[in-house]
Amino acid sequence: MKLLHSGKVRDVYADGEDLILVASDRVSVYDVILPTPIPDKGKVLTQLSLWWFDQLADVFPNHVISATDVPAEFVGRAVRCRRLEMLPVEWIARGYLAGLGLQEYRQHGSVSGVALPEGLVEGSRLPEPIFTPTTKATAGHDEFITYGDVVKEIGADTAARLREATLEIYRRGAEIARERGIIIADTKIEFGRAADGTLVLADEILTSDSSRFWPADDWEPGRPQHAFDKQFVRDWSSTVTDWDRTPPGPAIPDEIVQATQARYIEVYERITGQTWKG
């Protein structure tokens, strides 16, 4: 195998015509990789993604070839997948107001050009899920763009199809999770194009790194929500007063590492109904 790319969380290897996507235990906040890994994080992300890919296989084709035909040292945290040309857009669906979407709403009354009702607060449920794309920055931060920007970038037909796919994946996923006591507030999806032109769902899907997960029985608009996702680490990092959000990042205390691992595992178990075995 040949290492093609090492990202903030995943490493991508070439293996013949296929790719091997390996999820590490690294964690990043504000686009900075922190020096402390979260044990089992990569395995949890991979196994939860695979569960969702199976659940949503009828919604959109995905990149998975095999979860078992991978090098032994990567078993549990790697997926053999199709080689794709990734599209230059982050496909984001939001059903609740939080994070950067909340900041954008407070400034403009809209997110990615989608106007929202007045009077919404942190954690508010939106009247219906909205599509709020961003750029996919290779350096620096992603920026909000409008649906019209996406059309200019990839064409009207592809933009329309993938906007609807993003919203349908979110709706279906949110419905399944809600039945298990979990709110999916928002999620980020990636798509690519195969050599034959087929559009394919790729990377990860509906995980604690790509989504906001909240316990439904604790949801209360107007305040921060209990996070079963990376927001917990972001919240801790915001208390580190001597860090300016540039590399190197601060080491994560043991109690935050353990609590983050526990939250990732708990939401995996609640969504899938399966006991985490490591």
C-alpha atoms as a PDB file:
ATOM      1  CA  MET A   1       0.000   0.000   0.000  1.00  0.00           C
ATOM      2  CA  LYS A   2       1.003   3.593  -0.572  1.00  0.00           C
ATOM      3  CA  LEU A   3       0.070   6.458   1.758  1.00  0.00           C
ATOM      4  CA  LEU A   4      -1.657   9.105  -0.358  1.00  0.00           C
ATOM      5  CA  HIS A   5      -2.847  11.537   2.279  1.00  0.00           C
ATOM      6  CA  SER A   6      -2.810  12.004   6.038  1.00  0.00           C
ATOM      7  CA  GLY A   7      -5.638  14.251   7.175  1.00  0.00           C
ATOM      8  CA  LYS A   8      -6.737  15.594  10.531  1.00  0.00           C
ATOM      9  CA  VAL A   9      -8.412  12.289  11.394  1.00  0.00           C
ATOM     10  CA  ARG A  10      -8.079   9.851   8.475  1.00  0.00           C
ATOM     11  CA  ASP A  11      -5.203   8.382   6.492  1.00  0.00           C
ATOM     12  CA  VAL A  12      -5.817   7.332   2.900  1.00  0.00           C
ATOM     13  CA  TYR A  13      -3.822   4.538   1.273  1.00  0.00           C
ATOM     14  CA  ALA A  14      -3.826   3.266  -2.295  1.00  0.00           C
ATOM     15  CA  ASP A  15      -4.125  -0.502  -2.693  1.00  0.00           C
ATOM     16  CA  GLY A  16      -4.284  -1.322  -6.380  1.00  0.00           C
ATOM     17  CA  GLU A  17      -7.420   0.292  -7.810  1.00  0.00           C
ATOM     18  CA  ASP A  18      -8.969   0.640  -4.354  1.00  0.00           C
ATOM     19  CA  LEU A  19      -8.438   2.986  -1.458  1.00  0.00           C
ATOM     20  CA  ILE A  20      -8.040   2.017   2.190  1.00  0.00           C
ATOM     21  CA  LEU A  21      -9.551   4.674   4.450  1.00  0.00           C
ATOM     22  CA  VAL A  22      -8.163   4.446   7.989  1.00  0.00           C
ATOM     23  CA  ALA A  23      -9.714   6.378  10.878  1.00  0.00           C
ATOM     24  CA  SER A  24      -7.155   7.306  13.534  1.00  0.00           C
ATOM     25  CA  ASP A  25      -7.717   8.227  17.165  1.00  0.00           C
ATOM     26  CA  ARG A  26      -6.621  11.797  16.450  1.00  0.00           C
ATOM     27  CA  VAL A  27      -8.973  14.628  17.319  1.00  0.00           C
ATOM     28  CA  SER A  28      -8.947  18.138  15.899  1.00  0.00           C
ATOM     29  CA  VAL A  29     -10.683  21.346  16.922  1.00  0.00           C
ATOM     30  CA  TYR A  30     -10.654  24.607  14.983  1.00  0.00           C
ATOM     31  CA  ASP A  31      -8.666  22.744  12.277  1.00  0.00           C
ATOM     32  CA  VAL A  32      -5.824  22.002  14.724  1.00  0.00           C
ATOM     33  CA  ILE A  33      -4.879  18.414  15.559  1.00  0.00           C
ATOM     34  CA  LEU A  34      -4.546  18.067  19.314  1.00  0.00           C
ATOM     35  CA  PRO A  35      -1.584  16.060  20.670  1.00  0.00           C
ATOM     36  CA  THR A  36      -3.722  13.669  22.742  1.00  0.00           C
ATOM     37  CA  PRO A  37      -5.577  10.792  21.030  1.00  0.00           C
ATOM     38  CA  ILE A  38      -8.999   9.526  22.118  1.00  0.00           C
ATOM     39  CA  PRO A  39      -8.731   5.717  22.515  1.00  0.00           C
ATOM     40  CA  ASP A  40     -11.034   3.710  20.207  1.00  0.00           C
ATOM     41  CA  LYS A  41     -12.275   6.873  18.487  1.00  0.00           C
ATOM     42  CA  GLY A  42     -11.264   5.721  15.006  1.00  0.00           C
ATOM     43  CA  LYS A  43     -12.927   2.348  15.486  1.00  0.00           C
ATOM     44  CA  VAL A  44     -16.144   3.902  16.779  1.00  0.00           C
ATOM     45  CA  LEU A  45     -16.322   6.302  13.827  1.00  0.00           C
ATOM     46  CA  THR A  46     -15.681   3.505  11.350  1.00  0.00           C
ATOM     47  CA  GLN A  47     -18.181   1.063  12.848  1.00  0.00           C
ATOM     48  CA  LEU A  48     -20.900   3.699  13.182  1.00  0.00           C
ATOM     49  CA  SER A  49     -20.337   4.829   9.587  1.00  0.00           C
ATOM     50  CA  LEU A  50     -20.590   1.262   8.344  1.00  0.00           C
ATOM     51  CA  TRP A  51     -23.837   0.781  10.276  1.00  0.00           C
ATOM     52  CA  TRP A  52     -25.312   3.911   8.701  1.00  0.00           C
ATOM     53  CA  PHE A  53     -24.083   3.031   5.210  1.00  0.00           C
ATOM     54  CA  ASP A  54     -25.983  -0.235   5.558  1.00  0.00           C
ATOM     55  CA  GLN A  55     -29.121   1.440   6.927  1.00  0.00           C
ATOM     56  CA  LEU A  56     -29.176   4.046   4.144  1.00  0.00           C
ATOM     57  CA  ALA A  57     -27.995   1.918   1.229  1.00  0.00           C
ATOM     58  CA  ASP A  58     -31.333   2.407  -0.552  1.00  0.00           C
ATOM     59  CA  VAL A  59     -31.051   6.212  -0.349  1.00  0.00           C
ATOM     60  CA  PHE A  60     -27.758   6.674  -2.182  1.00  0.00           C
ATOM     61  CA  PRO A  61     -24.874   4.447  -3.379  1.00  0.00           C
ATOM     62  CA  ASN A  62     -21.792   4.559  -1.157  1.00  0.00           C
ATOM     63  CA  HIS A  63     -18.081   3.946  -1.561  1.00  0.00           C
ATOM     64  CA  VAL A  64     -17.741   0.840   0.636  1.00  0.00           C
ATOM     65  CA  ILE A  65     -16.215  -2.249  -0.978  1.00  0.00           C
ATOM     66  CA  SER A  66     -15.338  -4.201   2.170  1.00  0.00           C
ATOM     67  CA  ALA A  67     -14.955  -3.647   5.892  1.00  0.00           C
ATOM     68  CA  THR A  68     -12.992  -6.875   6.351  1.00  0.00           C
ATOM     69  CA  ASP A  69     -10.628  -6.997   3.367  1.00  0.00           C
ATOM     70  CA  VAL A  70      -8.173  -4.573   4.954  1.00  0.00           C
ATOM     71  CA  PRO A  71      -4.652  -4.952   6.402  1.00  0.00           C
ATOM     72  CA  ALA A  72      -4.651  -6.745   9.748  1.00  0.00           C
ATOM     73  CA  GLU A  73      -3.191  -3.786  11.634  1.00  0.00           C
ATOM     74  CA  PHE A  74      -6.164  -1.645  10.561  1.00  0.00           C
ATOM     75  CA  VAL A  75      -8.985  -4.092  11.263  1.00  0.00           C
ATOM     76  CA  GLY A  76     -11.942  -2.342  12.877  1.00  0.00           C
ATOM     77  CA  ARG A  77     -10.873   1.149  11.891  1.00  0.00           C
ATOM     78  CA  ALA A  78     -10.472   0.828   8.117  1.00  0.00           C
ATOM     79  CA  VAL A  79     -12.683   0.488   5.056  1.00  0.00           C
ATOM     80  CA  ARG A  80     -11.751  -0.662   1.563  1.00  0.00           C
ATOM     81  CA  CYS A  81     -13.526   1.739  -0.737  1.00  0.00           C
ATOM     82  CA  ARG A  82     -13.887   2.953  -4.291  1.00  0.00           C
ATOM     83  CA  ARG A  83     -11.501   5.551  -5.666  1.00  0.00           C
ATOM     84  CA  LEU A  84     -13.419   8.766  -6.310  1.00  0.00           C
ATOM     85  CA  GLU A  85     -12.901  12.321  -7.425  1.00  0.00           C
ATOM     86  CA  MET A  86     -14.268  14.208  -4.430  1.00  0.00           C
ATOM     87  CA  LEU A  87     -16.579  17.153  -5.045  1.00  0.00           C
ATOM     88  CA  PRO A  88     -15.377  20.545  -3.727  1.00  0.00           C
ATOM     89  CA  VAL A  89     -18.354  21.136  -1.408  1.00  0.00           C
ATOM     90  CA  GLU A  90     -19.215  20.211   2.176  1.00  0.00           C
ATOM     91  CA  TRP A  91     -22.851  19.041   2.041  1.00  0.00           C
ATOM     92  CA  ILE A  92     -24.464  20.073   5.326  1.00  0.00           C
ATOM     93  CA  ALA A  93     -28.018  19.537   6.538  1.00  0.00           C
ATOM     94  CA  ARG A  94     -29.356  21.243   9.656  1.00  0.00           C
ATOM     95  CA  GLY A  95     -32.508  20.463  11.599  1.00  0.00           C
ATOM     96  CA  TYR A  96     -31.590  22.502  14.673  1.00  0.00           C
ATOM     97  CA  LEU A  97     -29.680  25.722  15.257  1.00  0.00           C
ATOM     98  CA  ALA A  98     -26.195  25.319  16.734  1.00  0.00           C
ATOM     99  CA  GLY A  99     -22.528  26.021  16.173  1.00  0.00           C
ATOM    100  CA  LEU A 100     -21.520  28.071  13.152  1.00  0.00           C
ATOM    101  CA  GLY A 101     -25.095  27.924  11.892  1.00  0.00           C
ATOM    102  CA  LEU A 102     -26.221  29.716  15.048  1.00  0.00           C
ATOM    103  CA  GLN A 103     -23.494  32.338  14.609  1.00  0.00           C
ATOM    104  CA  GLU A 104     -24.517  32.924  10.998  1.00  0.00           C
ATOM    105  CA  TYR A 105     -28.183  33.222  11.958  1.00  0.00           C
ATOM    106  CA  ARG A 106     -27.423  35.753  14.679  1.00  0.00           C
ATOM    107  CA  GLN A 107     -25.507  37.908  12.196  1.00  0.00           C
ATOM    108  CA  HIS A 108     -27.749  37.627   9.136  1.00  0.00           C
ATOM    109  CA  GLY A 109     -31.034  35.946  10.066  1.00  0.00           C
ATOM    110  CA  SER A 110     -30.141  33.223   7.581  1.00  0.00           C
ATOM    111  CA  VAL A 111     -27.676  30.377   6.996  1.00  0.00           C
ATOM    112  CA  SER A 112     -26.109  29.861   3.563  1.00  0.00           C
ATOM    113  CA  GLY A 113     -28.698  32.225   2.129  1.00  0.00           C
ATOM    114  CA  VAL A 114     -31.634  30.302   3.640  1.00  0.00           C
ATOM    115  CA  ALA A 115     -33.828  32.776   5.543  1.00  0.00           C
ATOM    116  CA  LEU A 116     -35.042  31.583   8.943  1.00  0.00           C
ATOM    117  CA  PRO A 117     -37.818  32.832  11.248  1.00  0.00           C
ATOM    118  CA  GLU A 118     -37.060  35.524  13.799  1.00  0.00           C
ATOM    119  CA  GLY A 119     -36.657  34.682  17.469  1.00  0.00           C
ATOM    120  CA  LEU A 120     -34.769  31.394  17.183  1.00  0.00           C
ATOM    121  CA  VAL A 121     -32.290  30.585  19.947  1.00  0.00           C
ATOM    122  CA  GLU A 122     -29.482  28.119  20.501  1.00  0.00           C
ATOM    123  CA  GLY A 123     -30.837  24.610  20.063  1.00  0.00           C
ATOM    124  CA  SER A 124     -34.073  25.679  18.353  1.00  0.00           C
ATOM    125  CA  ARG A 125     -35.651  23.133  16.061  1.00  0.00           C
ATOM    126  CA  LEU A 126     -36.008  24.536  12.551  1.00  0.00           C
ATOM    127  CA  PRO A 127     -39.383  24.474  10.763  1.00  0.00           C
ATOM    128  CA  GLU A 128     -37.855  21.946   8.367  1.00  0.00           C
ATOM    129  CA  PRO A 129     -34.321  20.709   7.665  1.00  0.00           C
ATOM    130  CA  ILE A 130     -32.251  23.091   5.552  1.00  0.00           C
ATOM    131  CA  PHE A 131     -29.288  22.642   3.217  1.00  0.00           C
ATOM    132  CA  THR A 132     -26.358  24.867   4.219  1.00  0.00           C
ATOM    133  CA  PRO A 133     -23.278  24.076   2.097  1.00  0.00           C
ATOM    134  CA  THR A 134     -19.778  25.315   2.783  1.00  0.00           C
ATOM    135  CA  THR A 135     -16.518  25.391   0.910  1.00  0.00           C
ATOM    136  CA  LYS A 136     -14.065  22.552   1.446  1.00  0.00           C
ATOM    137  CA  ALA A 137     -10.946  24.474   2.389  1.00  0.00           C
ATOM    138  CA  THR A 138      -7.551  22.828   1.947  1.00  0.00           C
ATOM    139  CA  ALA A 139      -6.137  25.493   4.276  1.00  0.00           C
ATOM    140  CA  GLY A 140      -7.902  27.719   6.780  1.00  0.00           C
ATOM    141  CA  HIS A 141     -11.599  27.410   7.575  1.00  0.00           C
ATOM    142  CA  ASP A 142     -14.588  26.358   5.493  1.00  0.00           C
ATOM    143  CA  GLU A 143     -16.867  29.247   4.536  1.00  0.00           C
ATOM    144  CA  PHE A 144     -20.646  29.287   4.068  1.00  0.00           C
ATOM    145  CA  ILE A 145     -21.816  29.384   0.453  1.00  0.00           C
ATOM    146  CA  THR A 146     -25.287  29.446  -1.080  1.00  0.00           C
ATOM    147  CA  TYR A 147     -27.042  26.832  -3.139  1.00  0.00           C
ATOM    148  CA  GLY A 148     -26.523  29.141  -6.117  1.00  0.00           C
ATOM    149  CA  ASP A 149     -22.766  28.954  -5.534  1.00  0.00           C
ATOM    150  CA  VAL A 150     -22.980  25.152  -5.598  1.00  0.00           C
ATOM    151  CA  VAL A 151     -24.873  25.260  -8.901  1.00  0.00           C
ATOM    152  CA  LYS A 152     -22.126  27.438 -10.400  1.00  0.00           C
ATOM    153  CA  GLU A 153     -19.461  25.053  -9.110  1.00  0.00           C
ATOM    154  CA  ILE A 154     -20.853  21.684 -10.223  1.00  0.00           C
ATOM    155  CA  GLY A 155     -23.922  22.342 -12.376  1.00  0.00           C
ATOM    156  CA  ALA A 156     -27.633  22.543 -11.722  1.00  0.00           C
ATOM    157  CA  ASP A 157     -28.521  18.867 -12.168  1.00  0.00           C
ATOM    158  CA  THR A 158     -25.790  17.540  -9.883  1.00  0.00           C
ATOM    159  CA  ALA A 159     -26.413  20.248  -7.295  1.00  0.00           C
ATOM    160  CA  ALA A 160     -30.139  19.513  -7.191  1.00  0.00           C
ATOM    161  CA  ARG A 161     -29.656  15.775  -6.892  1.00  0.00           C
ATOM    162  CA  LEU A 162     -27.083  16.031  -4.106  1.00  0.00           C
ATOM    163  CA  ARG A 163     -28.982  18.685  -2.171  1.00  0.00           C
ATOM    164  CA  GLU A 164     -32.006  16.395  -2.067  1.00  0.00           C
ATOM    165  CA  ALA A 165     -29.815  13.393  -1.204  1.00  0.00           C
ATOM    166  CA  THR A 166     -28.195  15.314   1.657  1.00  0.00           C
ATOM    167  CA  LEU A 167     -31.578  16.288   3.089  1.00  0.00           C
ATOM    168  CA  GLU A 168     -33.017  12.792   2.665  1.00  0.00           C
ATOM    169  CA  ILE A 169     -29.998  11.189   4.364  1.00  0.00           C
ATOM    170  CA  TYR A 170     -30.417  13.646   7.221  1.00  0.00           C
ATOM    171  CA  ARG A 171     -34.177  13.107   7.487  1.00  0.00           C
ATOM    172  CA  ARG A 172     -33.899   9.321   7.443  1.00  0.00           C
ATOM    173  CA  GLY A 173     -30.974   9.294   9.848  1.00  0.00           C
ATOM    174  CA  ALA A 174     -32.648  11.745  12.221  1.00  0.00           C
ATOM    175  CA  GLU A 175     -35.814   9.649  12.275  1.00  0.00           C
ATOM    176  CA  ILE A 176     -33.907   6.456  13.068  1.00  0.00           C
ATOM    177  CA  ALA A 177     -31.828   8.163  15.770  1.00  0.00           C
ATOM    178  CA  ARG A 178     -34.839   9.876  17.347  1.00  0.00           C
ATOM    179  CA  GLU A 179     -36.490   6.484  17.814  1.00  0.00           C
ATOM    180  CA  ARG A 180     -33.427   5.613  19.904  1.00  0.00           C
ATOM    181  CA  GLY A 181     -33.523   8.788  21.974  1.00  0.00           C
ATOM    182  CA  ILE A 182     -30.911  10.762  20.021  1.00  0.00           C
ATOM    183  CA  ILE A 183     -31.379  14.069  18.208  1.00  0.00           C
ATOM    184  CA  ILE A 184     -29.156  14.616  15.182  1.00  0.00           C
ATOM    185  CA  ALA A 185     -28.970  18.396  15.148  1.00  0.00           C
ATOM    186  CA  ASP A 186     -26.935  18.657  11.958  1.00  0.00           C
ATOM    187  CA  THR A 187     -24.547  16.649   9.838  1.00  0.00           C
ATOM    188  CA  LYS A 188     -21.865  17.022   7.196  1.00  0.00           C
ATOM    189  CA  ILE A 189     -21.696  14.697   4.184  1.00  0.00           C
ATOM    190  CA  GLU A 190     -19.239  14.248   1.332  1.00  0.00           C
ATOM    191  CA  PHE A 191     -19.812  12.994  -2.190  1.00  0.00           C
ATOM    192  CA  GLY A 192     -17.475  11.976  -4.979  1.00  0.00           C
ATOM    193  CA  ARG A 193     -17.643  10.896  -8.587  1.00  0.00           C
ATOM    194  CA  ALA A 194     -16.463   7.472  -9.735  1.00  0.00           C
ATOM    195  CA  ALA A 195     -14.527   6.918 -12.950  1.00  0.00           C
ATOM    196  CA  ASP A 196     -17.761   5.967 -14.739  1.00  0.00           C
ATOM    197  CA  GLY A 197     -19.388   9.252 -13.677  1.00  0.00           C
ATOM    198  CA  THR A 198     -21.530   7.757 -10.921  1.00  0.00           C
ATOM    199  CA  LEU A 199     -22.131   9.988  -7.911  1.00  0.00           C
ATOM    200  CA  VAL A 200     -21.202   8.216  -4.683  1.00  0.00           C
ATOM    201  CA  LEU A 201     -21.599   8.918  -0.950  1.00  0.00           C
ATOM    202  CA  ALA A 202     -18.128   8.837   0.622  1.00  0.00           C
ATOM    203  CA  ASP A 203     -15.923   9.452   3.664  1.00  0.00           C
ATOM    204  CA  GLU A 204     -17.974   9.044   6.883  1.00  0.00           C
ATOM    205  CA  ILE A 205     -21.670   9.416   7.591  1.00  0.00           C
ATOM    206  CA  LEU A 206     -23.654  10.447  10.694  1.00  0.00           C
ATOM    207  CA  THR A 207     -20.805  10.027  13.172  1.00  0.00           C
ATOM    208  CA  SER A 208     -19.783  11.961  16.274  1.00  0.00           C
ATOM    209  CA  ASP A 209     -17.148  13.787  14.217  1.00  0.00           C
ATOM    210  CA  SER A 210     -19.460  14.782  11.360  1.00  0.00           C
ATOM    211  CA  SER A 211     -22.693  15.404  13.297  1.00  0.00           C
ATOM    212  CA  ARG A 212     -24.100  16.913  16.467  1.00  0.00           C
ATOM    213  CA  PHE A 213     -25.790  14.295  18.660  1.00  0.00           C
ATOM    214  CA  TRP A 214     -27.955  15.355  21.607  1.00  0.00           C
ATOM    215  CA  PRO A 215     -30.020  13.250  24.057  1.00  0.00           C
ATOM    216  CA  ALA A 216     -33.661  13.844  23.162  1.00  0.00           C
ATOM    217  CA  ASP A 217     -34.853  13.704  26.776  1.00  0.00           C
ATOM    218  CA  ASP A 218     -32.477  16.532  27.756  1.00  0.00           C
ATOM    219  CA  TRP A 219     -33.068  18.863  24.788  1.00  0.00           C
ATOM    220  CA  GLU A 220     -33.963  22.395  25.828  1.00  0.00           C
ATOM    221  CA  PRO A 221     -33.675  25.350  23.427  1.00  0.00           C
ATOM    222  CA  GLY A 222     -31.939  28.450  24.729  1.00  0.00           C
ATOM    223  CA  ARG A 223     -28.827  26.806  26.149  1.00  0.00           C
ATOM    224  CA  PRO A 224     -25.937  24.540  25.109  1.00  0.00           C
ATOM    225  CA  GLN A 225     -27.010  20.908  24.750  1.00  0.00           C
ATOM    226  CA  HIS A 226     -25.356  17.793  26.178  1.00  0.00           C
ATOM    227  CA  ALA A 227     -23.005  16.699  23.380  1.00  0.00           C
ATOM    228  CA  PHE A 228     -22.356  13.101  22.361  1.00  0.00           C
ATOM    229  CA  ASP A 229     -19.922  14.418  19.745  1.00  0.00           C
ATOM    230  CA  LYS A 230     -16.782  16.448  19.146  1.00  0.00           C
ATOM    231  CA  GLN A 231     -18.463  19.576  20.531  1.00  0.00           C
ATOM    232  CA  PHE A 232     -17.529  18.305  23.998  1.00  0.00           C
ATOM    233  CA  VAL A 233     -13.827  18.655  23.114  1.00  0.00           C
ATOM    234  CA  ARG A 234     -14.427  22.039  21.469  1.00  0.00           C
ATOM    235  CA  ASP A 235     -16.157  23.245  24.627  1.00  0.00           C
ATOM    236  CA  TRP A 236     -13.226  22.117  26.768  1.00  0.00           C
ATOM    237  CA  SER A 237     -10.686  23.746  24.430  1.00  0.00           C
ATOM    238  CA  SER A 238     -12.504  27.076  24.709  1.00  0.00           C
ATOM    239  CA  THR A 239     -11.630  27.097  28.419  1.00  0.00           C
ATOM    240  CA  VAL A 240      -7.883  26.927  27.691  1.00  0.00           C
ATOM    241  CA  THR A 241      -7.133  30.609  28.107  1.00  0.00           C
ATOM    242  CA  ASP A 242      -3.535  30.552  26.884  1.00  0.00           C
ATOM    243  CA  TRP A 243      -4.269  28.899  23.508  1.00  0.00           C
ATOM    244  CA  ASP A 244      -4.961  31.079  20.460  1.00  0.00           C
ATOM    245  CA  ARG A 245      -6.365  28.253  18.285  1.00  0.00           C
ATOM    246  CA  THR A 246      -3.169  27.876  16.273  1.00  0.00           C
ATOM    247  CA  PRO A 247      -0.794  24.875  16.280  1.00  0.00           C
ATOM    248  CA  PRO A 248       0.382  23.337  18.482  1.00  0.00           C
ATOM    249  CA  GLY A 249      -2.829  22.538  20.284  1.00  0.00           C
ATOM    250  CA  PRO A 250      -3.056  21.894  24.024  1.00  0.00           C
ATOM    251  CA  ALA A 251      -2.849  18.419  25.544  1.00  0.00           C
ATOM    252  CA  ILE A 252      -6.237  17.038  26.584  1.00  0.00           C
ATOM    253  CA  PRO A 253      -6.557  16.170  30.300  1.00  0.00           C
ATOM    254  CA  ASP A 254      -7.191  12.525  31.163  1.00  0.00           C
ATOM    255  CA  GLU A 255     -10.695  13.204  32.480  1.00  0.00           C
ATOM    256  CA  ILE A 256     -11.693  14.906  29.215  1.00  0.00           C
ATOM    257  CA  VAL A 257     -10.201  12.034  27.185  1.00  0.00           C
ATOM    258  CA  GLN A 258     -12.154   9.467  29.202  1.00  0.00           C
ATOM    259  CA  ALA A 259     -15.395  11.442  29.057  1.00  0.00           C
ATOM    260  CA  THR A 260     -15.060  11.959  25.292  1.00  0.00           C
ATOM    261  CA  GLN A 261     -14.426   8.252  24.705  1.00  0.00           C
ATOM    262  CA  ALA A 262     -17.437   7.374  26.871  1.00  0.00           C
ATOM    263  CA  ARG A 263     -19.720   9.745  24.944  1.00  0.00           C
ATOM    264  CA  TYR A 264     -18.633   8.400  21.549  1.00  0.00           C
ATOM    265  CA  ILE A 265     -19.236   4.834  22.716  1.00  0.00           C
ATOM    266  CA  GLU A 266     -22.586   5.654  24.362  1.00  0.00           C
ATOM    267  CA  VAL A 267     -24.054   7.239  21.250  1.00  0.00           C
ATOM    268  CA  TYR A 268     -22.782   4.322  19.130  1.00  0.00           C
ATOM    269  CA  GLU A 269     -24.550   1.884  21.434  1.00  0.00           C
ATOM    270  CA  ARG A 270     -27.758   3.904  21.635  1.00  0.00           C
ATOM    271  CA  ILE A 271     -28.043   4.365  17.878  1.00  0.00           C
ATOM    272  CA  THR A 272     -27.022   0.873  16.766  1.00  0.00           C
ATOM    273  CA  GLY A 273     -28.433  -1.096  19.705  1.00  0.00           C
ATOM    274  CA  GLN A 274     -25.132  -2.992  19.821  1.00  0.00           C
ATOM    275  CA  THR A 275     -22.743  -3.337  22.753  1.00  0.00           C
ATOM    276  CA  TRP A 276     -19.354  -1.783  22.011  1.00  0.00           C
ATOM    277  CA  LYS A 277     -16.668  -4.490  22.088  1.00  0.00           C
ATOM    278  CA  GLY A 278     -13.654  -2.412  21.117  1.00  0.00           C
END
